[in-house]
N, C-alpha and C. Protein backbone atom coordinates (compact mmCIF):
# COMPACT_ATOMS: atom_id res chain seq x y z
N MET A 1 -17.94 -33.11 2.49
CA MET A 1 -17.65 -32.56 1.16
C MET A 1 -16.72 -31.37 1.30
N SER A 2 -15.64 -31.38 0.54
CA SER A 2 -14.66 -30.29 0.60
C SER A 2 -14.76 -29.46 -0.67
N THR A 3 -14.72 -28.15 -0.54
CA THR A 3 -14.77 -27.26 -1.70
C THR A 3 -13.65 -26.26 -1.58
N ASP A 4 -13.55 -25.38 -2.58
CA ASP A 4 -12.51 -24.35 -2.55
C ASP A 4 -13.05 -23.04 -2.01
N LYS A 5 -14.15 -23.09 -1.29
CA LYS A 5 -14.72 -21.88 -0.72
C LYS A 5 -13.75 -21.25 0.27
N LYS A 6 -13.83 -19.92 0.38
CA LYS A 6 -13.02 -19.20 1.34
C LYS A 6 -13.92 -18.30 2.16
N VAL A 7 -13.53 -18.08 3.40
CA VAL A 7 -14.24 -17.13 4.25
C VAL A 7 -13.47 -15.82 4.20
N ILE A 8 -14.13 -14.78 3.69
CA ILE A 8 -13.50 -13.48 3.51
C ILE A 8 -14.25 -12.44 4.32
N VAL A 9 -13.51 -11.68 5.12
CA VAL A 9 -14.09 -10.60 5.91
C VAL A 9 -13.87 -9.29 5.16
N VAL A 10 -14.96 -8.57 4.92
CA VAL A 10 -14.93 -7.34 4.15
C VAL A 10 -15.30 -6.17 5.06
N PRO A 11 -14.65 -5.00 4.90
CA PRO A 11 -15.07 -3.82 5.68
C PRO A 11 -16.56 -3.58 5.55
N LYS A 12 -17.20 -3.23 6.66
CA LYS A 12 -18.66 -3.10 6.68
C LYS A 12 -19.18 -2.13 5.63
N ARG A 13 -18.48 -1.03 5.41
CA ARG A 13 -18.97 -0.03 4.46
C ARG A 13 -18.96 -0.53 3.03
N LEU A 14 -18.23 -1.64 2.77
CA LEU A 14 -18.16 -2.19 1.42
C LEU A 14 -18.87 -3.53 1.30
N SER A 15 -19.54 -3.93 2.37
CA SER A 15 -20.15 -5.27 2.38
C SER A 15 -21.23 -5.44 1.32
N GLY A 16 -21.86 -4.36 0.93
CA GLY A 16 -22.91 -4.46 -0.08
C GLY A 16 -22.45 -4.13 -1.49
N GLN A 17 -21.16 -3.84 -1.65
CA GLN A 17 -20.62 -3.44 -2.94
C GLN A 17 -20.17 -4.64 -3.76
N LYS A 18 -20.16 -4.45 -5.06
CA LYS A 18 -19.64 -5.49 -5.95
C LYS A 18 -18.15 -5.28 -6.10
N LEU A 19 -17.37 -6.18 -5.57
CA LEU A 19 -15.92 -6.08 -5.61
C LEU A 19 -15.36 -6.94 -6.73
N GLU A 20 -14.36 -6.42 -7.41
CA GLU A 20 -13.73 -7.13 -8.51
C GLU A 20 -12.32 -7.55 -8.13
N ARG A 21 -12.00 -8.81 -8.33
CA ARG A 21 -10.68 -9.32 -8.01
C ARG A 21 -9.74 -9.08 -9.19
N ILE A 22 -8.60 -8.45 -8.92
CA ILE A 22 -7.59 -8.22 -9.95
C ILE A 22 -6.22 -8.57 -9.39
N GLN A 23 -5.25 -8.66 -10.27
CA GLN A 23 -3.88 -8.92 -9.86
C GLN A 23 -3.00 -7.72 -10.21
N LEU A 24 -2.29 -7.23 -9.21
CA LEU A 24 -1.40 -6.09 -9.37
C LEU A 24 -0.07 -6.40 -8.70
N PRO A 25 1.00 -5.75 -9.12
CA PRO A 25 2.30 -5.99 -8.46
C PRO A 25 2.29 -5.44 -7.03
N HIS A 26 2.82 -6.25 -6.12
CA HIS A 26 2.99 -5.75 -4.75
C HIS A 26 3.95 -4.58 -4.80
N PRO A 27 3.65 -3.47 -4.12
CA PRO A 27 4.50 -2.28 -4.24
C PRO A 27 5.93 -2.45 -3.78
N ARG A 28 6.20 -3.43 -2.90
CA ARG A 28 7.59 -3.65 -2.45
C ARG A 28 8.27 -4.76 -3.23
N THR A 29 7.63 -5.92 -3.34
CA THR A 29 8.27 -7.08 -3.96
C THR A 29 8.11 -7.12 -5.48
N GLU A 30 7.12 -6.38 -5.99
CA GLU A 30 6.78 -6.36 -7.42
C GLU A 30 6.18 -7.67 -7.90
N GLU A 31 5.93 -8.60 -6.99
CA GLU A 31 5.28 -9.85 -7.37
C GLU A 31 3.77 -9.63 -7.50
N LEU A 32 3.15 -10.35 -8.44
CA LEU A 32 1.72 -10.20 -8.62
C LEU A 32 0.96 -10.75 -7.41
N CYS A 33 0.02 -9.96 -6.91
CA CYS A 33 -0.80 -10.34 -5.76
C CYS A 33 -2.25 -10.05 -6.08
N SER A 34 -3.14 -10.71 -5.35
CA SER A 34 -4.57 -10.48 -5.54
C SER A 34 -5.02 -9.26 -4.75
N TYR A 35 -5.78 -8.42 -5.40
CA TYR A 35 -6.42 -7.27 -4.76
C TYR A 35 -7.88 -7.26 -5.18
N TYR A 36 -8.68 -6.55 -4.42
CA TYR A 36 -10.09 -6.37 -4.79
C TYR A 36 -10.33 -4.87 -4.93
N ILE A 37 -11.05 -4.49 -5.96
CA ILE A 37 -11.33 -3.07 -6.17
C ILE A 37 -12.83 -2.84 -6.20
N ASP A 38 -13.23 -1.70 -5.67
CA ASP A 38 -14.60 -1.21 -5.78
C ASP A 38 -14.54 -0.01 -6.72
N ASN A 39 -14.99 -0.20 -7.95
CA ASN A 39 -14.87 0.85 -8.95
C ASN A 39 -15.68 2.09 -8.60
N SER A 40 -16.79 1.92 -7.88
CA SER A 40 -17.65 3.06 -7.60
C SER A 40 -16.99 4.05 -6.64
N THR A 41 -16.17 3.55 -5.72
CA THR A 41 -15.49 4.42 -4.76
C THR A 41 -13.98 4.49 -5.00
N GLU A 42 -13.51 3.76 -6.01
CA GLU A 42 -12.08 3.67 -6.33
C GLU A 42 -11.27 3.23 -5.11
N THR A 43 -11.84 2.26 -4.39
CA THR A 43 -11.17 1.69 -3.22
C THR A 43 -10.42 0.43 -3.64
N VAL A 44 -9.20 0.28 -3.12
CA VAL A 44 -8.39 -0.91 -3.38
C VAL A 44 -8.16 -1.63 -2.06
N LEU A 45 -8.40 -2.93 -2.05
CA LEU A 45 -8.27 -3.73 -0.84
C LEU A 45 -7.24 -4.83 -1.06
N GLU A 46 -6.35 -4.99 -0.09
CA GLU A 46 -5.41 -6.10 -0.18
C GLU A 46 -5.92 -7.26 0.66
N VAL A 47 -5.45 -8.45 0.33
CA VAL A 47 -5.89 -9.66 1.02
C VAL A 47 -4.87 -10.01 2.10
N VAL A 48 -5.34 -10.03 3.35
CA VAL A 48 -4.49 -10.43 4.47
C VAL A 48 -5.02 -11.76 4.99
N THR A 49 -4.16 -12.77 5.01
CA THR A 49 -4.59 -14.11 5.40
C THR A 49 -4.07 -14.47 6.78
N VAL A 50 -4.98 -14.92 7.64
CA VAL A 50 -4.61 -15.46 8.95
C VAL A 50 -4.59 -16.97 8.80
N ASP A 51 -3.39 -17.54 8.77
CA ASP A 51 -3.22 -18.97 8.53
C ASP A 51 -3.45 -19.75 9.83
N MET A 52 -4.45 -20.61 9.83
CA MET A 52 -4.75 -21.42 11.02
C MET A 52 -3.97 -22.72 11.06
N LYS A 53 -3.12 -22.94 10.04
CA LYS A 53 -2.21 -24.09 10.00
C LYS A 53 -2.94 -25.41 10.22
N GLY A 54 -4.09 -25.55 9.60
CA GLY A 54 -4.82 -26.81 9.65
C GLY A 54 -5.52 -27.11 10.96
N LYS A 55 -5.57 -26.14 11.89
CA LYS A 55 -6.16 -26.39 13.20
C LYS A 55 -7.64 -26.04 13.25
N ARG A 56 -8.19 -25.45 12.20
CA ARG A 56 -9.59 -25.06 12.18
C ARG A 56 -10.20 -25.43 10.84
N SER A 57 -11.51 -25.59 10.81
CA SER A 57 -12.27 -25.81 9.58
C SER A 57 -13.45 -24.85 9.57
N TRP A 58 -13.99 -24.64 8.37
CA TRP A 58 -15.19 -23.81 8.24
C TRP A 58 -16.36 -24.69 7.85
N LEU A 59 -17.48 -24.49 8.53
CA LEU A 59 -18.70 -25.24 8.24
C LEU A 59 -19.76 -24.27 7.74
N GLY A 60 -20.22 -24.49 6.52
CA GLY A 60 -21.23 -23.61 5.93
C GLY A 60 -22.53 -24.35 5.66
N ASP A 61 -23.38 -23.73 4.88
CA ASP A 61 -24.68 -24.32 4.54
C ASP A 61 -24.48 -25.37 3.46
N GLY A 62 -24.26 -26.60 3.89
CA GLY A 62 -24.07 -27.69 2.95
C GLY A 62 -22.64 -27.89 2.50
N TRP A 63 -21.71 -27.22 3.15
CA TRP A 63 -20.32 -27.43 2.77
C TRP A 63 -19.41 -27.36 3.99
N VAL A 64 -18.28 -28.06 3.87
CA VAL A 64 -17.23 -28.03 4.89
C VAL A 64 -15.92 -27.73 4.19
N HIS A 65 -15.18 -26.78 4.73
CA HIS A 65 -13.89 -26.43 4.15
C HIS A 65 -12.82 -26.71 5.20
N SER A 66 -11.91 -27.62 4.87
CA SER A 66 -10.93 -28.06 5.86
C SER A 66 -9.91 -26.98 6.21
N ASN A 67 -9.67 -26.06 5.30
CA ASN A 67 -8.72 -24.97 5.57
C ASN A 67 -9.46 -23.86 6.31
N GLY A 68 -9.18 -23.75 7.59
CA GLY A 68 -9.89 -22.77 8.41
C GLY A 68 -9.26 -21.39 8.41
N SER A 69 -8.36 -21.12 7.45
CA SER A 69 -7.72 -19.80 7.39
C SER A 69 -8.76 -18.72 7.14
N LEU A 70 -8.47 -17.54 7.65
CA LEU A 70 -9.36 -16.40 7.51
C LEU A 70 -8.72 -15.37 6.58
N HIS A 71 -9.49 -14.94 5.60
CA HIS A 71 -8.99 -13.96 4.64
C HIS A 71 -9.71 -12.64 4.88
N MET A 72 -8.93 -11.59 5.14
CA MET A 72 -9.50 -10.27 5.42
C MET A 72 -9.11 -9.30 4.32
N LEU A 73 -10.06 -8.51 3.88
CA LEU A 73 -9.79 -7.47 2.91
C LEU A 73 -9.61 -6.15 3.65
N THR A 74 -8.44 -5.58 3.54
CA THR A 74 -8.15 -4.33 4.24
C THR A 74 -7.74 -3.27 3.22
N PRO A 75 -8.19 -2.03 3.41
CA PRO A 75 -7.84 -0.97 2.45
C PRO A 75 -6.34 -0.72 2.41
N ILE A 76 -5.85 -0.51 1.22
CA ILE A 76 -4.46 -0.11 1.01
C ILE A 76 -4.49 1.20 0.25
N ASP A 77 -3.58 2.10 0.57
CA ASP A 77 -3.48 3.33 -0.20
C ASP A 77 -2.93 2.96 -1.58
N PRO A 78 -3.74 3.07 -2.63
CA PRO A 78 -3.28 2.65 -3.96
C PRO A 78 -2.13 3.47 -4.52
N LEU A 79 -1.81 4.59 -3.88
CA LEU A 79 -0.67 5.37 -4.35
C LEU A 79 0.64 4.61 -4.17
N PHE A 80 0.68 3.68 -3.21
CA PHE A 80 1.88 2.84 -3.07
C PHE A 80 2.08 2.03 -4.36
N ILE A 81 0.99 1.51 -4.90
CA ILE A 81 1.08 0.72 -6.14
C ILE A 81 1.47 1.63 -7.30
N TYR A 82 0.85 2.81 -7.34
CA TYR A 82 1.20 3.76 -8.39
C TYR A 82 2.68 4.15 -8.31
N LEU A 83 3.19 4.35 -7.11
CA LEU A 83 4.58 4.75 -6.94
C LEU A 83 5.51 3.70 -7.56
N THR A 84 5.21 2.44 -7.33
CA THR A 84 6.04 1.37 -7.91
C THR A 84 5.90 1.32 -9.42
N LEU A 85 4.67 1.41 -9.92
CA LEU A 85 4.45 1.34 -11.37
C LEU A 85 5.16 2.48 -12.09
N ILE A 86 5.04 3.71 -11.57
CA ILE A 86 5.66 4.85 -12.24
C ILE A 86 7.18 4.81 -12.08
N THR A 87 7.66 4.38 -10.92
CA THR A 87 9.11 4.26 -10.72
C THR A 87 9.70 3.29 -11.73
N GLN A 88 9.04 2.16 -11.94
CA GLN A 88 9.53 1.16 -12.89
C GLN A 88 9.72 1.75 -14.28
N GLN A 89 8.80 2.60 -14.70
CA GLN A 89 8.82 3.12 -16.06
C GLN A 89 9.59 4.43 -16.20
N SER A 90 9.63 5.23 -15.12
CA SER A 90 10.18 6.58 -15.21
C SER A 90 11.65 6.67 -14.81
N GLN A 91 12.12 5.73 -14.00
CA GLN A 91 13.49 5.83 -13.48
C GLN A 91 14.51 5.45 -14.53
N THR A 92 15.53 6.27 -14.68
CA THR A 92 16.67 5.96 -15.53
C THR A 92 17.91 5.90 -14.64
N LYS A 93 19.05 5.64 -15.26
CA LYS A 93 20.29 5.51 -14.48
C LYS A 93 20.62 6.78 -13.73
N ASP A 94 20.38 7.92 -14.39
CA ASP A 94 20.80 9.20 -13.80
C ASP A 94 19.67 10.13 -13.41
N ASP A 95 18.47 9.88 -13.91
CA ASP A 95 17.39 10.84 -13.68
C ASP A 95 16.05 10.15 -13.85
N TRP A 96 15.03 10.95 -14.11
CA TRP A 96 13.67 10.44 -14.33
C TRP A 96 13.18 10.93 -15.68
N LYS A 97 12.54 10.07 -16.42
CA LYS A 97 12.02 10.46 -17.73
C LYS A 97 10.49 10.51 -17.69
N PHE A 98 9.92 11.33 -18.58
CA PHE A 98 8.47 11.40 -18.69
C PHE A 98 7.95 10.15 -19.40
N VAL A 99 6.84 9.64 -18.90
CA VAL A 99 6.18 8.50 -19.53
C VAL A 99 4.69 8.81 -19.68
N ASP A 100 4.09 8.21 -20.69
CA ASP A 100 2.64 8.33 -20.88
C ASP A 100 1.98 7.55 -19.75
N ILE A 101 1.25 8.24 -18.88
CA ILE A 101 0.71 7.59 -17.69
C ILE A 101 -0.24 6.45 -18.04
N ASP A 102 -0.97 6.59 -19.16
CA ASP A 102 -1.91 5.53 -19.54
C ASP A 102 -1.20 4.31 -20.10
N SER A 103 0.06 4.46 -20.51
CA SER A 103 0.81 3.32 -21.04
C SER A 103 1.13 2.31 -19.95
N LEU A 104 1.01 2.72 -18.68
CA LEU A 104 1.23 1.78 -17.59
C LEU A 104 0.28 0.60 -17.69
N GLY A 105 -0.90 0.86 -18.26
CA GLY A 105 -1.92 -0.19 -18.34
C GLY A 105 -1.72 -1.16 -19.47
N LEU A 106 -0.68 -0.95 -20.29
CA LEU A 106 -0.45 -1.85 -21.41
C LEU A 106 0.17 -3.16 -20.96
N GLU A 107 0.74 -3.18 -19.75
CA GLU A 107 1.42 -4.38 -19.29
C GLU A 107 0.45 -5.52 -19.00
N SER A 108 -0.74 -5.20 -18.54
CA SER A 108 -1.73 -6.23 -18.26
C SER A 108 -3.10 -5.60 -18.21
N PRO A 109 -4.15 -6.39 -18.51
CA PRO A 109 -5.51 -5.83 -18.44
C PRO A 109 -5.89 -5.39 -17.03
N PHE A 110 -5.33 -6.05 -16.02
CA PHE A 110 -5.63 -5.66 -14.64
C PHE A 110 -5.05 -4.28 -14.31
N ILE A 111 -3.80 -4.05 -14.72
CA ILE A 111 -3.21 -2.73 -14.51
C ILE A 111 -3.99 -1.70 -15.31
N GLY A 112 -4.47 -2.11 -16.49
CA GLY A 112 -5.29 -1.22 -17.29
C GLY A 112 -6.54 -0.77 -16.55
N LYS A 113 -7.20 -1.70 -15.87
CA LYS A 113 -8.38 -1.34 -15.06
C LYS A 113 -7.99 -0.39 -13.94
N PHE A 114 -6.84 -0.63 -13.35
CA PHE A 114 -6.37 0.16 -12.23
C PHE A 114 -6.14 1.62 -12.65
N VAL A 115 -5.45 1.83 -13.76
CA VAL A 115 -5.11 3.20 -14.17
C VAL A 115 -6.30 3.91 -14.80
N LYS A 116 -7.37 3.21 -15.09
CA LYS A 116 -8.56 3.86 -15.63
C LYS A 116 -9.43 4.51 -14.55
N MET A 117 -9.11 4.28 -13.28
CA MET A 117 -9.84 4.96 -12.21
C MET A 117 -9.33 6.40 -12.16
N GLN A 118 -10.10 7.30 -12.74
CA GLN A 118 -9.63 8.65 -13.04
C GLN A 118 -9.29 9.48 -11.80
N GLY A 119 -10.14 9.41 -10.78
CA GLY A 119 -9.86 10.18 -9.57
C GLY A 119 -8.57 9.73 -8.91
N LEU A 120 -8.36 8.43 -8.88
CA LEU A 120 -7.14 7.87 -8.29
C LEU A 120 -5.91 8.26 -9.10
N LYS A 121 -6.04 8.21 -10.42
CA LYS A 121 -4.91 8.58 -11.28
C LYS A 121 -4.53 10.04 -11.07
N GLN A 122 -5.51 10.91 -10.97
CA GLN A 122 -5.21 12.33 -10.76
C GLN A 122 -4.54 12.55 -9.40
N LYS A 123 -4.99 11.81 -8.40
CA LYS A 123 -4.37 11.91 -7.07
C LYS A 123 -2.90 11.50 -7.13
N ALA A 124 -2.61 10.43 -7.88
CA ALA A 124 -1.22 9.97 -8.02
C ALA A 124 -0.38 11.04 -8.71
N LEU A 125 -0.94 11.66 -9.75
CA LEU A 125 -0.21 12.72 -10.45
C LEU A 125 0.08 13.89 -9.52
N ASP A 126 -0.92 14.29 -8.74
CA ASP A 126 -0.77 15.44 -7.85
C ASP A 126 0.23 15.17 -6.72
N LYS A 127 0.19 13.96 -6.16
CA LYS A 127 1.00 13.65 -4.98
C LYS A 127 2.41 13.15 -5.29
N LEU A 128 2.59 12.55 -6.47
CA LEU A 128 3.84 11.85 -6.72
C LEU A 128 4.64 12.36 -7.91
N CYS A 129 4.02 13.16 -8.77
CA CYS A 129 4.61 13.38 -10.08
C CYS A 129 4.75 14.85 -10.49
N ASP A 130 5.66 15.05 -11.41
CA ASP A 130 5.70 16.24 -12.25
C ASP A 130 5.02 15.79 -13.54
N PHE A 131 3.95 16.47 -13.95
CA PHE A 131 3.22 15.97 -15.12
C PHE A 131 2.85 17.10 -16.07
N ARG A 132 2.62 16.70 -17.32
CA ARG A 132 2.26 17.62 -18.39
C ARG A 132 1.05 17.05 -19.14
N GLN A 133 0.03 17.86 -19.31
CA GLN A 133 -1.13 17.46 -20.10
C GLN A 133 -0.86 17.84 -21.55
N ILE A 134 -0.43 16.88 -22.35
CA ILE A 134 -0.04 17.14 -23.74
C ILE A 134 -1.27 17.43 -24.60
N SER A 135 -2.32 16.67 -24.39
CA SER A 135 -3.58 16.87 -25.10
C SER A 135 -4.70 16.39 -24.20
N GLU A 136 -5.90 16.46 -24.69
CA GLU A 136 -7.04 16.01 -23.88
C GLU A 136 -6.90 14.56 -23.49
N ASP A 137 -6.26 13.77 -24.34
CA ASP A 137 -6.17 12.32 -24.11
C ASP A 137 -4.80 11.85 -23.65
N VAL A 138 -3.81 12.71 -23.68
CA VAL A 138 -2.44 12.27 -23.38
C VAL A 138 -1.86 13.10 -22.24
N CYS A 139 -1.43 12.40 -21.20
CA CYS A 139 -0.76 13.04 -20.08
C CYS A 139 0.55 12.29 -19.82
N VAL A 140 1.65 13.03 -19.75
CA VAL A 140 2.93 12.40 -19.45
C VAL A 140 3.37 12.83 -18.06
N ALA A 141 4.08 11.94 -17.39
CA ALA A 141 4.47 12.21 -16.00
C ALA A 141 5.81 11.56 -15.70
N LYS A 142 6.49 12.13 -14.72
CA LYS A 142 7.70 11.51 -14.17
C LYS A 142 7.68 11.72 -12.67
N ILE A 143 8.42 10.91 -11.98
CA ILE A 143 8.49 11.01 -10.52
C ILE A 143 9.06 12.36 -10.11
N ASP A 144 8.41 12.98 -9.14
CA ASP A 144 8.93 14.18 -8.48
C ASP A 144 9.37 13.74 -7.09
N VAL A 145 10.68 13.61 -6.89
CA VAL A 145 11.21 13.04 -5.65
C VAL A 145 10.77 13.85 -4.43
N ASP A 146 10.79 15.17 -4.53
CA ASP A 146 10.39 16.01 -3.40
C ASP A 146 8.94 15.75 -3.01
N LYS A 147 8.06 15.65 -4.01
CA LYS A 147 6.65 15.35 -3.73
C LYS A 147 6.51 14.00 -3.04
N VAL A 148 7.22 13.01 -3.55
CA VAL A 148 7.12 11.66 -2.98
C VAL A 148 7.57 11.66 -1.53
N ILE A 149 8.68 12.32 -1.25
CA ILE A 149 9.19 12.34 0.13
C ILE A 149 8.21 13.04 1.05
N ARG A 150 7.62 14.15 0.59
CA ARG A 150 6.62 14.83 1.43
C ARG A 150 5.44 13.92 1.71
N TRP A 151 4.99 13.20 0.70
CA TRP A 151 3.86 12.28 0.86
C TRP A 151 4.22 11.15 1.83
N LEU A 152 5.40 10.60 1.69
CA LEU A 152 5.82 9.50 2.56
C LEU A 152 5.98 9.96 4.01
N LYS A 153 6.57 11.15 4.21
CA LYS A 153 6.75 11.64 5.58
C LYS A 153 5.40 11.92 6.24
N ASN A 154 4.44 12.36 5.45
CA ASN A 154 3.09 12.54 5.99
C ASN A 154 2.50 11.20 6.41
N LYS A 155 2.78 10.17 5.64
CA LYS A 155 2.31 8.82 5.98
C LYS A 155 2.93 8.33 7.29
N CYS A 156 4.12 8.82 7.60
CA CYS A 156 4.86 8.36 8.78
C CYS A 156 4.62 9.22 10.01
N ALA A 157 3.68 10.16 9.93
CA ALA A 157 3.42 11.05 11.06
C ALA A 157 3.05 10.24 12.30
N ALA A 158 3.54 10.68 13.45
CA ALA A 158 3.35 9.94 14.71
C ALA A 158 1.88 9.71 15.02
N GLU A 159 1.03 10.70 14.71
CA GLU A 159 -0.39 10.57 15.06
C GLU A 159 -1.11 9.53 14.21
N ARG A 160 -0.48 9.05 13.16
CA ARG A 160 -1.10 8.02 12.33
C ARG A 160 -0.89 6.61 12.89
N MET A 161 -0.04 6.45 13.88
CA MET A 161 0.28 5.11 14.35
C MET A 161 -0.95 4.42 14.92
N PRO A 162 -1.27 3.20 14.45
CA PRO A 162 -2.42 2.47 14.97
C PRO A 162 -2.26 2.18 16.47
N LYS A 163 -3.38 2.18 17.16
CA LYS A 163 -3.34 1.93 18.60
C LYS A 163 -2.77 0.56 18.93
N VAL A 164 -2.94 -0.38 18.00
CA VAL A 164 -2.45 -1.73 18.26
C VAL A 164 -0.92 -1.77 18.41
N LEU A 165 -0.23 -0.73 17.90
CA LEU A 165 1.23 -0.67 18.03
C LEU A 165 1.69 0.13 19.23
N GLU A 166 0.75 0.64 20.02
CA GLU A 166 1.11 1.52 21.13
C GLU A 166 2.04 0.84 22.13
N SER A 167 1.95 -0.47 22.25
CA SER A 167 2.81 -1.18 23.22
C SER A 167 4.29 -1.02 22.88
N TYR A 168 4.60 -0.73 21.61
CA TYR A 168 5.99 -0.58 21.20
C TYR A 168 6.60 0.73 21.72
N VAL A 169 5.76 1.68 22.11
CA VAL A 169 6.29 2.96 22.57
C VAL A 169 5.96 3.23 24.03
N SER A 170 5.19 2.35 24.66
CA SER A 170 4.74 2.60 26.04
C SER A 170 5.89 2.57 27.04
N GLU A 171 7.03 1.96 26.67
CA GLU A 171 8.15 1.88 27.59
C GLU A 171 8.85 3.22 27.78
N PHE A 172 8.59 4.17 26.89
CA PHE A 172 9.25 5.46 26.96
C PHE A 172 8.39 6.45 27.73
N GLU A 173 8.96 7.05 28.76
CA GLU A 173 8.23 8.02 29.56
C GLU A 173 8.34 9.43 28.99
N ASN A 174 9.43 9.70 28.33
CA ASN A 174 9.66 11.02 27.75
C ASN A 174 8.83 11.19 26.48
N ASP A 175 8.07 12.31 26.39
CA ASP A 175 7.18 12.54 25.25
C ASP A 175 7.95 12.62 23.94
N GLU A 176 9.13 13.23 23.99
CA GLU A 176 9.92 13.35 22.76
C GLU A 176 10.36 11.99 22.26
N LEU A 177 10.78 11.11 23.16
CA LEU A 177 11.18 9.77 22.76
C LEU A 177 9.98 8.97 22.25
N LYS A 178 8.82 9.17 22.88
CA LYS A 178 7.61 8.50 22.39
C LYS A 178 7.30 8.94 20.97
N GLU A 179 7.42 10.24 20.73
CA GLU A 179 7.17 10.77 19.39
C GLU A 179 8.12 10.14 18.37
N GLN A 180 9.40 10.07 18.72
CA GLN A 180 10.39 9.47 17.83
C GLN A 180 10.07 7.99 17.59
N ALA A 181 9.67 7.30 18.64
CA ALA A 181 9.37 5.88 18.52
C ALA A 181 8.15 5.65 17.63
N ARG A 182 7.15 6.52 17.76
CA ARG A 182 5.95 6.40 16.91
C ARG A 182 6.30 6.61 15.44
N ILE A 183 7.11 7.62 15.18
CA ILE A 183 7.54 7.87 13.80
C ILE A 183 8.32 6.68 13.27
N ARG A 184 9.20 6.13 14.13
CA ARG A 184 9.99 4.97 13.72
C ARG A 184 9.08 3.80 13.36
N GLU A 185 8.10 3.50 14.21
CA GLU A 185 7.20 2.37 13.94
C GLU A 185 6.39 2.60 12.67
N MET A 186 5.94 3.85 12.45
CA MET A 186 5.18 4.14 11.24
C MET A 186 6.07 4.02 10.00
N THR A 187 7.32 4.45 10.12
CA THR A 187 8.23 4.36 8.98
C THR A 187 8.51 2.91 8.63
N LEU A 188 8.71 2.08 9.64
CA LEU A 188 8.93 0.66 9.39
C LEU A 188 7.69 0.01 8.78
N LEU A 189 6.51 0.47 9.21
CA LEU A 189 5.26 -0.05 8.65
C LEU A 189 5.12 0.35 7.19
N VAL A 190 5.36 1.63 6.90
CA VAL A 190 5.27 2.13 5.53
C VAL A 190 6.30 1.45 4.63
N SER A 191 7.47 1.12 5.19
CA SER A 191 8.53 0.52 4.39
C SER A 191 8.13 -0.83 3.81
N GLU A 192 7.12 -1.46 4.38
CA GLU A 192 6.64 -2.74 3.86
C GLU A 192 5.97 -2.59 2.50
N TYR A 193 5.72 -1.35 2.10
CA TYR A 193 5.04 -1.09 0.83
C TYR A 193 5.90 -0.28 -0.13
N LEU A 194 7.21 -0.27 0.10
CA LEU A 194 8.10 0.54 -0.72
C LEU A 194 9.21 -0.28 -1.35
N LEU A 195 9.58 0.12 -2.56
CA LEU A 195 10.76 -0.45 -3.19
C LEU A 195 12.00 -0.07 -2.38
N PRO A 196 13.07 -0.87 -2.45
CA PRO A 196 14.31 -0.54 -1.71
C PRO A 196 14.80 0.88 -1.98
N PHE A 197 14.65 1.37 -3.21
CA PHE A 197 15.10 2.72 -3.54
C PHE A 197 14.41 3.75 -2.65
N TRP A 198 13.09 3.62 -2.49
CA TRP A 198 12.34 4.59 -1.69
C TRP A 198 12.55 4.37 -0.20
N ASN A 199 12.76 3.13 0.20
CA ASN A 199 13.10 2.88 1.61
C ASN A 199 14.37 3.62 1.99
N GLY A 200 15.38 3.54 1.10
CA GLY A 200 16.63 4.23 1.38
C GLY A 200 16.44 5.73 1.49
N LYS A 201 15.63 6.29 0.58
CA LYS A 201 15.36 7.73 0.61
C LYS A 201 14.63 8.12 1.90
N LEU A 202 13.64 7.32 2.27
CA LEU A 202 12.84 7.65 3.46
C LEU A 202 13.67 7.53 4.73
N PHE A 203 14.40 6.45 4.89
CA PHE A 203 15.22 6.27 6.09
C PHE A 203 16.25 7.39 6.22
N LYS A 204 16.79 7.83 5.09
CA LYS A 204 17.78 8.91 5.11
C LYS A 204 17.19 10.19 5.66
N GLU A 205 15.90 10.43 5.40
CA GLU A 205 15.23 11.63 5.89
C GLU A 205 15.25 11.69 7.41
N TYR A 206 15.25 10.54 8.04
CA TYR A 206 15.24 10.47 9.51
C TYR A 206 16.59 10.10 10.09
N GLY A 207 17.63 10.10 9.25
CA GLY A 207 18.97 9.81 9.74
C GLY A 207 19.19 8.36 10.09
N GLY A 208 18.41 7.45 9.48
CA GLY A 208 18.51 6.04 9.84
C GLY A 208 17.71 5.78 11.08
N PHE A 209 17.52 4.51 11.43
CA PHE A 209 16.70 4.19 12.59
C PHE A 209 17.41 3.26 13.55
N VAL A 210 17.58 3.78 14.75
CA VAL A 210 18.07 2.99 15.88
C VAL A 210 17.07 3.18 16.99
N LYS A 211 16.72 2.12 17.68
CA LYS A 211 15.73 2.23 18.75
C LYS A 211 16.20 3.24 19.78
N PRO A 212 15.39 4.25 20.09
CA PRO A 212 15.79 5.25 21.08
C PRO A 212 16.14 4.62 22.41
N ARG A 213 17.16 5.16 23.05
CA ARG A 213 17.55 4.66 24.35
C ARG A 213 16.57 5.11 25.42
N LEU A 214 16.35 4.25 26.38
CA LEU A 214 15.52 4.65 27.53
C LEU A 214 16.28 5.65 28.38
N PRO A 215 15.59 6.61 28.96
CA PRO A 215 16.29 7.58 29.82
C PRO A 215 17.01 6.88 30.96
N VAL A 216 18.22 7.35 31.24
CA VAL A 216 18.97 6.78 32.34
C VAL A 216 18.38 7.27 33.66
N PRO A 217 18.05 6.37 34.60
CA PRO A 217 17.44 6.79 35.88
C PRO A 217 18.34 7.78 36.63
């Protein structure tokens, strides 16, 4: 018997939580993707699929699923999504305009759920925006480029590089070159979650990226 069941791996700390599936625009491609949110902790998880290409199946209690792909839920910093949403609404040809931050949720009920997470919304305002509290219920905001760049460069700090990427920098014996390589790998990783506009801004901060040369013996 074949069903549409999926095997999903969830972070241990969230294994007992009730997760809600929603659709939000991918921060780089702007295409709608599935995410899971835990409203109690305001955690957002993206779905990462390991495609087994038909070479594995899953056997459960009374069911068999021919697609042996593994779906993992991994935390994503939701500010990447906020950055795209606010950029879409705030960017003009020559500058940035103020927008009602809650109006972002008018595009879809899922985005509405997303922007209603108050702690997350305030974090986005603090880290990414110039904002004005017009009244108790109305807050307008626009992108603050300097804030965004500071936030992005912090994301690209060398010490943040996952250990799984260490092999990319192990060839460099010089500590300074290793540091540069780690920043480069982190910047390329972060770029997977950025619109082309922000990728250009971020790469410019580091003078573009060319793989550091190995020291000449």
